[in-house]
């Protein structure tokens, strides 16, 4: 159960609409390394984590990613609010507009829609945590790319905040990985434990 606080985790106040920037920013909503995928990844992985402190970390970070998705969605909305048909056509936003008008819909910057196949849930704590660390670095790299393309301070400020949180999440997942590795034993065969492998019954000829 979650308690929803009716304010953004970090303020967004974009006063100058810019649909070209919106087409870049939206990738961190529904793109391959975006906030929607991150939230679904961590909130799904937590069920098969055998240690409460690690499962709790996945719940915490997955919940925060929902807040980050809300920040990105707000940015896209403010960047496209009240556009005229002329502005839409001139900016190249017309392809998005024809399908979604000015609604906020999860897709990558290249137009590819969000797909759950973009993230992984393996049910193996070591596998999943390494996936999570890589995901945070990919998201951080995407924010780096966005900041290279955009100079508007109203947009860059919340993007820098989100990039900083990716770094913190990477560090927390590193700590979780160490917790799991420290507890590896015969009952926890998630990493290099041939003693737990069933003997092959096939006839090798």
C-alpha atoms as a PDB file:
ATOM      1  CA  UNK A   1       0.000   0.000   0.000  1.00  0.00           C
ATOM      2  CA  UNK A   2       1.306   3.452  -0.897  1.00  0.00           C
ATOM      3  CA  UNK A   3       0.532   6.902   0.440  1.00  0.00           C
ATOM      4  CA  UNK A   4       0.503   9.484  -2.337  1.00  0.00           C
ATOM      5  CA  UNK A   5       1.777  12.959  -1.562  1.00  0.00           C
ATOM      6  CA  UNK A   6       0.222  15.436  -3.970  1.00  0.00           C
ATOM      7  CA  UNK A   7       3.392  17.208  -5.052  1.00  0.00           C
ATOM      8  CA  UNK A   8       6.331  16.380  -7.254  1.00  0.00           C
ATOM      9  CA  UNK A   9       9.485  14.998  -5.671  1.00  0.00           C
ATOM     10  CA  UNK A  10      11.320  17.856  -7.426  1.00  0.00           C
ATOM     11  CA  UNK A  11       9.612  21.004  -8.754  1.00  0.00           C
ATOM     12  CA  UNK A  12       9.045  21.486 -12.482  1.00  0.00           C
ATOM     13  CA  UNK A  13       8.199  24.952 -13.776  1.00  0.00           C
ATOM     14  CA  UNK A  14       8.726  25.225 -17.526  1.00  0.00           C
ATOM     15  CA  UNK A  15       7.367  28.534 -18.835  1.00  0.00           C
ATOM     16  CA  UNK A  16       8.376  28.227 -22.512  1.00  0.00           C
ATOM     17  CA  UNK A  17       6.776  25.359 -24.461  1.00  0.00           C
ATOM     18  CA  UNK A  18       9.169  23.521 -26.739  1.00  0.00           C
ATOM     19  CA  UNK A  19       7.868  20.387 -28.471  1.00  0.00           C
ATOM     20  CA  UNK A  20      11.295  19.568 -29.915  1.00  0.00           C
ATOM     21  CA  UNK A  21      12.709  19.202 -26.400  1.00  0.00           C
ATOM     22  CA  UNK A  22       9.609  17.224 -25.365  1.00  0.00           C
ATOM     23  CA  UNK A  23      10.391  14.641 -28.044  1.00  0.00           C
ATOM     24  CA  UNK A  24      13.794  14.082 -26.406  1.00  0.00           C
ATOM     25  CA  UNK A  25      12.626  14.170 -22.783  1.00  0.00           C
ATOM     26  CA  UNK A  26       9.830  11.647 -23.363  1.00  0.00           C
ATOM     27  CA  UNK A  27      12.380   8.872 -23.797  1.00  0.00           C
ATOM     28  CA  UNK A  28      12.902   8.895 -20.033  1.00  0.00           C
ATOM     29  CA  UNK A  29       9.208   8.202 -19.599  1.00  0.00           C
ATOM     30  CA  UNK A  30       8.699   5.273 -21.978  1.00  0.00           C
ATOM     31  CA  UNK A  31      12.090   4.624 -23.564  1.00  0.00           C
ATOM     32  CA  UNK A  32      14.303   1.564 -23.100  1.00  0.00           C
ATOM     33  CA  UNK A  33      16.047   3.045 -20.051  1.00  0.00           C
ATOM     34  CA  UNK A  34      13.198   5.218 -18.803  1.00  0.00           C
ATOM     35  CA  UNK A  35      11.515   5.656 -15.452  1.00  0.00           C
ATOM     36  CA  UNK A  36       8.417   3.590 -16.247  1.00  0.00           C
ATOM     37  CA  UNK A  37      10.536   0.531 -17.043  1.00  0.00           C
ATOM     38  CA  UNK A  38      12.663   1.089 -13.942  1.00  0.00           C
ATOM     39  CA  UNK A  39       9.639   1.235 -11.647  1.00  0.00           C
ATOM     40  CA  UNK A  40       8.121  -1.921 -13.121  1.00  0.00           C
ATOM     41  CA  UNK A  41      11.480  -3.739 -13.014  1.00  0.00           C
ATOM     42  CA  UNK A  42      12.177  -3.156  -9.326  1.00  0.00           C
ATOM     43  CA  UNK A  43       8.608  -3.555  -8.078  1.00  0.00           C
ATOM     44  CA  UNK A  44       8.365  -6.878  -9.915  1.00  0.00           C
ATOM     45  CA  UNK A  45      11.785  -8.228  -8.901  1.00  0.00           C
ATOM     46  CA  UNK A  46      11.248  -7.714  -5.179  1.00  0.00           C
ATOM     47  CA  UNK A  47       9.013 -10.763  -4.721  1.00  0.00           C
ATOM     48  CA  UNK A  48      11.747 -13.364  -5.247  1.00  0.00           C
ATOM     49  CA  UNK A  49      14.447 -11.614  -3.200  1.00  0.00           C
ATOM     50  CA  UNK A  50      15.133 -13.834  -0.133  1.00  0.00           C
ATOM     51  CA  UNK A  51      16.324 -10.990   2.155  1.00  0.00           C
ATOM     52  CA  UNK A  52      13.945  -8.400   3.552  1.00  0.00           C
ATOM     53  CA  UNK A  53      16.429  -5.531   3.515  1.00  0.00           C
ATOM     54  CA  UNK A  54      17.146  -6.066  -0.176  1.00  0.00           C
ATOM     55  CA  UNK A  55      13.483  -6.512  -1.092  1.00  0.00           C
ATOM     56  CA  UNK A  56      12.768  -3.337   0.870  1.00  0.00           C
ATOM     57  CA  UNK A  57      15.392  -1.465  -1.124  1.00  0.00           C
ATOM     58  CA  UNK A  58      13.784  -2.579  -4.389  1.00  0.00           C
ATOM     59  CA  UNK A  59      10.407  -1.396  -3.096  1.00  0.00           C
ATOM     60  CA  UNK A  60      11.848   1.971  -2.046  1.00  0.00           C
ATOM     61  CA  UNK A  61      13.628   2.604  -5.336  1.00  0.00           C
ATOM     62  CA  UNK A  62      10.755   1.270  -7.451  1.00  0.00           C
ATOM     63  CA  UNK A  63       8.419   3.661  -5.658  1.00  0.00           C
ATOM     64  CA  UNK A  64      10.806   6.557  -6.223  1.00  0.00           C
ATOM     65  CA  UNK A  65      10.973   5.689  -9.929  1.00  0.00           C
ATOM     66  CA  UNK A  66       7.199   6.194 -10.085  1.00  0.00           C
ATOM     67  CA  UNK A  67       7.829   9.689  -8.734  1.00  0.00           C
ATOM     68  CA  UNK A  68      10.472  10.236 -11.409  1.00  0.00           C
ATOM     69  CA  UNK A  69       8.046   9.085 -14.084  1.00  0.00           C
ATOM     70  CA  UNK A  70       5.672  11.757 -12.772  1.00  0.00           C
ATOM     71  CA  UNK A  71       8.396  14.408 -13.073  1.00  0.00           C
ATOM     72  CA  UNK A  72       9.180  13.461 -16.672  1.00  0.00           C
ATOM     73  CA  UNK A  73       5.486  13.345 -17.589  1.00  0.00           C
ATOM     74  CA  UNK A  74       4.994  16.805 -16.085  1.00  0.00           C
ATOM     75  CA  UNK A  75       7.929  18.128 -18.096  1.00  0.00           C
ATOM     76  CA  UNK A  76       6.543  16.707 -21.347  1.00  0.00           C
ATOM     77  CA  UNK A  77       3.130  18.175 -20.552  1.00  0.00           C
ATOM     78  CA  UNK A  78       4.511  21.638 -19.804  1.00  0.00           C
ATOM     79  CA  UNK A  79       6.715  21.568 -22.914  1.00  0.00           C
ATOM     80  CA  UNK A  80       3.732  20.803 -25.174  1.00  0.00           C
ATOM     81  CA  UNK A  81       0.908  22.668 -23.444  1.00  0.00           C
ATOM     82  CA  UNK A  82      -1.319  24.884 -25.626  1.00  0.00           C
ATOM     83  CA  UNK A  83       0.639  24.403 -28.851  1.00  0.00           C
ATOM     84  CA  UNK A  84      -0.902  25.759 -32.026  1.00  0.00           C
ATOM     85  CA  UNK A  85      -1.214  23.540 -35.137  1.00  0.00           C
ATOM     86  CA  UNK A  86       1.463  25.684 -36.778  1.00  0.00           C
ATOM     87  CA  UNK A  87       3.893  25.125 -33.893  1.00  0.00           C
ATOM     88  CA  UNK A  88       3.181  21.410 -33.935  1.00  0.00           C
ATOM     89  CA  UNK A  89       3.915  21.082 -37.647  1.00  0.00           C
ATOM     90  CA  UNK A  90       6.993  23.320 -37.559  1.00  0.00           C
ATOM     91  CA  UNK A  91       8.565  21.366 -34.675  1.00  0.00           C
ATOM     92  CA  UNK A  92       8.055  17.900 -36.118  1.00  0.00           C
ATOM     93  CA  UNK A  93       5.673  17.035 -33.280  1.00  0.00           C
ATOM     94  CA  UNK A  94       2.890  16.328 -35.780  1.00  0.00           C
ATOM     95  CA  UNK A  95       3.594  12.575 -35.961  1.00  0.00           C
ATOM     96  CA  UNK A  96       3.111  12.221 -32.209  1.00  0.00           C
ATOM     97  CA  UNK A  97       0.155  14.639 -32.234  1.00  0.00           C
ATOM     98  CA  UNK A  98      -1.838  12.699 -34.799  1.00  0.00           C
ATOM     99  CA  UNK A  99      -1.928   9.638 -32.510  1.00  0.00           C
ATOM    100  CA  UNK A 100      -1.991  11.206 -29.030  1.00  0.00           C
ATOM    101  CA  UNK A 101      -2.920  14.892 -29.480  1.00  0.00           C
ATOM    102  CA  UNK A 102      -1.128  16.519 -26.485  1.00  0.00           C
ATOM    103  CA  UNK A 103      -1.592  13.574 -24.157  1.00  0.00           C
ATOM    104  CA  UNK A 104       1.482  12.113 -22.462  1.00  0.00           C
ATOM    105  CA  UNK A 105       2.107   8.610 -23.790  1.00  0.00           C
ATOM    106  CA  UNK A 106       5.111   6.363 -23.013  1.00  0.00           C
ATOM    107  CA  UNK A 107       7.496   6.053 -25.928  1.00  0.00           C
ATOM    108  CA  UNK A 108      11.181   6.413 -26.740  1.00  0.00           C
ATOM    109  CA  UNK A 109      12.628   9.483 -28.418  1.00  0.00           C
ATOM    110  CA  UNK A 110      12.708   7.508 -31.664  1.00  0.00           C
ATOM    111  CA  UNK A 111       8.952   6.871 -31.449  1.00  0.00           C
ATOM    112  CA  UNK A 112       9.104   3.236 -30.306  1.00  0.00           C
ATOM    113  CA  UNK A 113       6.315   2.567 -27.759  1.00  0.00           C
ATOM    114  CA  UNK A 114       7.024   1.287 -24.270  1.00  0.00           C
ATOM    115  CA  UNK A 115       7.299  -2.483 -24.081  1.00  0.00           C
ATOM    116  CA  UNK A 116       7.709  -4.622 -20.953  1.00  0.00           C
ATOM    117  CA  UNK A 117      10.264  -6.734 -22.866  1.00  0.00           C
ATOM    118  CA  UNK A 118      12.707  -3.844 -22.363  1.00  0.00           C
ATOM    119  CA  UNK A 119      13.334  -4.849 -18.749  1.00  0.00           C
ATOM    120  CA  UNK A 120      14.093  -8.171 -17.132  1.00  0.00           C
ATOM    121  CA  UNK A 121      12.849 -10.063 -14.094  1.00  0.00           C
ATOM    122  CA  UNK A 122      14.798 -13.297 -13.717  1.00  0.00           C
ATOM    123  CA  UNK A 123      13.967 -14.424 -10.168  1.00  0.00           C
ATOM    124  CA  UNK A 124      17.675 -14.747  -9.337  1.00  0.00           C
ATOM    125  CA  UNK A 125      18.895 -12.039  -6.907  1.00  0.00           C
ATOM    126  CA  UNK A 126      22.415 -11.776  -8.323  1.00  0.00           C
ATOM    127  CA  UNK A 127      21.172 -11.662 -11.922  1.00  0.00           C
ATOM    128  CA  UNK A 128      18.459  -9.128 -11.118  1.00  0.00           C
ATOM    129  CA  UNK A 129      20.686  -6.836  -9.058  1.00  0.00           C
ATOM    130  CA  UNK A 130      23.344  -6.710 -11.762  1.00  0.00           C
ATOM    131  CA  UNK A 131      20.554  -5.917 -14.224  1.00  0.00           C
ATOM    132  CA  UNK A 132      19.480  -3.101 -11.898  1.00  0.00           C
ATOM    133  CA  UNK A 133      22.954  -1.619 -11.586  1.00  0.00           C
ATOM    134  CA  UNK A 134      23.318  -1.638 -15.364  1.00  0.00           C
ATOM    135  CA  UNK A 135      19.868  -0.056 -15.741  1.00  0.00           C
ATOM    136  CA  UNK A 136      20.802   2.824 -13.459  1.00  0.00           C
ATOM    137  CA  UNK A 137      23.988   3.482 -15.429  1.00  0.00           C
ATOM    138  CA  UNK A 138      22.083   3.412 -18.728  1.00  0.00           C
ATOM    139  CA  UNK A 139      19.539   5.868 -17.338  1.00  0.00           C
ATOM    140  CA  UNK A 140      22.358   8.100 -16.104  1.00  0.00           C
ATOM    141  CA  UNK A 141      23.937   7.989 -19.582  1.00  0.00           C
ATOM    142  CA  UNK A 142      20.598   8.941 -21.152  1.00  0.00           C
ATOM    143  CA  UNK A 143      20.307  11.952 -18.863  1.00  0.00           C
ATOM    144  CA  UNK A 144      23.888  12.875 -19.816  1.00  0.00           C
ATOM    145  CA  UNK A 145      22.850  12.784 -23.474  1.00  0.00           C
ATOM    146  CA  UNK A 146      19.774  14.914 -22.802  1.00  0.00           C
ATOM    147  CA  UNK A 147      21.874  17.532 -21.024  1.00  0.00           C
ATOM    148  CA  UNK A 148      24.263  17.671 -23.989  1.00  0.00           C
ATOM    149  CA  UNK A 149      21.350  18.526 -26.279  1.00  0.00           C
ATOM    150  CA  UNK A 150      19.468  21.033 -24.110  1.00  0.00           C
ATOM    151  CA  UNK A 151      20.498  24.399 -22.703  1.00  0.00           C
ATOM    152  CA  UNK A 152      17.167  25.614 -21.269  1.00  0.00           C
ATOM    153  CA  UNK A 153      17.791  26.004 -17.518  1.00  0.00           C
ATOM    154  CA  UNK A 154      14.141  25.297 -16.659  1.00  0.00           C
ATOM    155  CA  UNK A 155      14.504  21.882 -18.272  1.00  0.00           C
ATOM    156  CA  UNK A 156      18.074  21.104 -17.235  1.00  0.00           C
ATOM    157  CA  UNK A 157      17.491  21.684 -13.522  1.00  0.00           C
ATOM    158  CA  UNK A 158      15.086  18.759 -12.906  1.00  0.00           C
ATOM    159  CA  UNK A 159      17.061  16.591 -15.344  1.00  0.00           C
ATOM    160  CA  UNK A 160      20.196  17.093 -13.238  1.00  0.00           C
ATOM    161  CA  UNK A 161      18.241  16.087 -10.140  1.00  0.00           C
ATOM    162  CA  UNK A 162      17.063  12.903 -11.833  1.00  0.00           C
ATOM    163  CA  UNK A 163      20.581  12.092 -13.024  1.00  0.00           C
ATOM    164  CA  UNK A 164      21.852  12.438  -9.455  1.00  0.00           C
ATOM    165  CA  UNK A 165      19.232   9.973  -8.219  1.00  0.00           C
ATOM    166  CA  UNK A 166      20.368   7.397 -10.795  1.00  0.00           C
ATOM    167  CA  UNK A 167      23.857   7.553  -9.281  1.00  0.00           C
ATOM    168  CA  UNK A 168      22.461   7.082  -5.760  1.00  0.00           C
ATOM    169  CA  UNK A 169      20.352   4.115  -6.893  1.00  0.00           C
ATOM    170  CA  UNK A 170      23.376   2.508  -8.537  1.00  0.00           C
ATOM    171  CA  UNK A 171      25.241   2.759  -5.248  1.00  0.00           C
ATOM    172  CA  UNK A 172      22.331   1.288  -3.265  1.00  0.00           C
ATOM    173  CA  UNK A 173      22.028  -1.655  -5.642  1.00  0.00           C
ATOM    174  CA  UNK A 174      25.760  -2.229  -5.230  1.00  0.00           C
ATOM    175  CA  UNK A 175      25.220  -2.431  -1.464  1.00  0.00           C
ATOM    176  CA  UNK A 176      22.342  -4.889  -2.006  1.00  0.00           C
ATOM    177  CA  UNK A 177      24.543  -7.062  -4.204  1.00  0.00           C
ATOM    178  CA  UNK A 178      27.145  -7.252  -1.455  1.00  0.00           C
ATOM    179  CA  UNK A 179      24.475  -8.243   1.081  1.00  0.00           C
ATOM    180  CA  UNK A 180      23.297 -11.092  -1.138  1.00  0.00           C
ATOM    181  CA  UNK A 181      26.840 -12.280  -1.890  1.00  0.00           C
ATOM    182  CA  UNK A 182      27.769 -12.263   1.800  1.00  0.00           C
ATOM    183  CA  UNK A 183      24.836 -14.582   2.518  1.00  0.00           C
ATOM    184  CA  UNK A 184      25.504 -17.130  -0.206  1.00  0.00           C
ATOM    185  CA  UNK A 185      25.452 -20.713   1.086  1.00  0.00           C
ATOM    186  CA  UNK A 186      24.207 -24.181   0.197  1.00  0.00           C
ATOM    187  CA  UNK A 187      20.611 -23.001   0.490  1.00  0.00           C
ATOM    188  CA  UNK A 188      21.232 -19.971  -1.670  1.00  0.00           C
ATOM    189  CA  UNK A 189      22.726 -21.264  -4.887  1.00  0.00           C
ATOM    190  CA  UNK A 190      22.396 -18.150  -6.977  1.00  0.00           C
ATOM    191  CA  UNK A 191      26.066 -17.752  -7.785  1.00  0.00           C
ATOM    192  CA  UNK A 192      28.576 -20.360  -8.940  1.00  0.00           C
ATOM    193  CA  UNK A 193      27.486 -23.318  -6.836  1.00  0.00           C
ATOM    194  CA  UNK A 194      28.022 -26.483  -8.919  1.00  0.00           C
ATOM    195  CA  UNK A 195      27.135 -28.613  -5.881  1.00  0.00           C
ATOM    196  CA  UNK A 196      23.531 -27.560  -6.401  1.00  0.00           C
ATOM    197  CA  UNK A 197      23.419 -28.473 -10.098  1.00  0.00           C
ATOM    198  CA  UNK A 198      21.495 -31.635 -10.842  1.00  0.00           C
ATOM    199  CA  UNK A 199      23.587 -34.278 -12.592  1.00  0.00           C
ATOM    200  CA  UNK A 200      22.894 -34.505 -16.289  1.00  0.00           C
ATOM    201  CA  UNK A 201      20.876 -37.594 -17.123  1.00  0.00           C
ATOM    202  CA  UNK A 202      21.514 -37.361 -20.833  1.00  0.00           C
ATOM    203  CA  UNK A 203      23.778 -39.896 -22.523  1.00  0.00           C
ATOM    204  CA  UNK A 204      26.799 -38.052 -23.901  1.00  0.00           C
ATOM    205  CA  UNK A 205      28.048 -40.013 -26.869  1.00  0.00           C
END
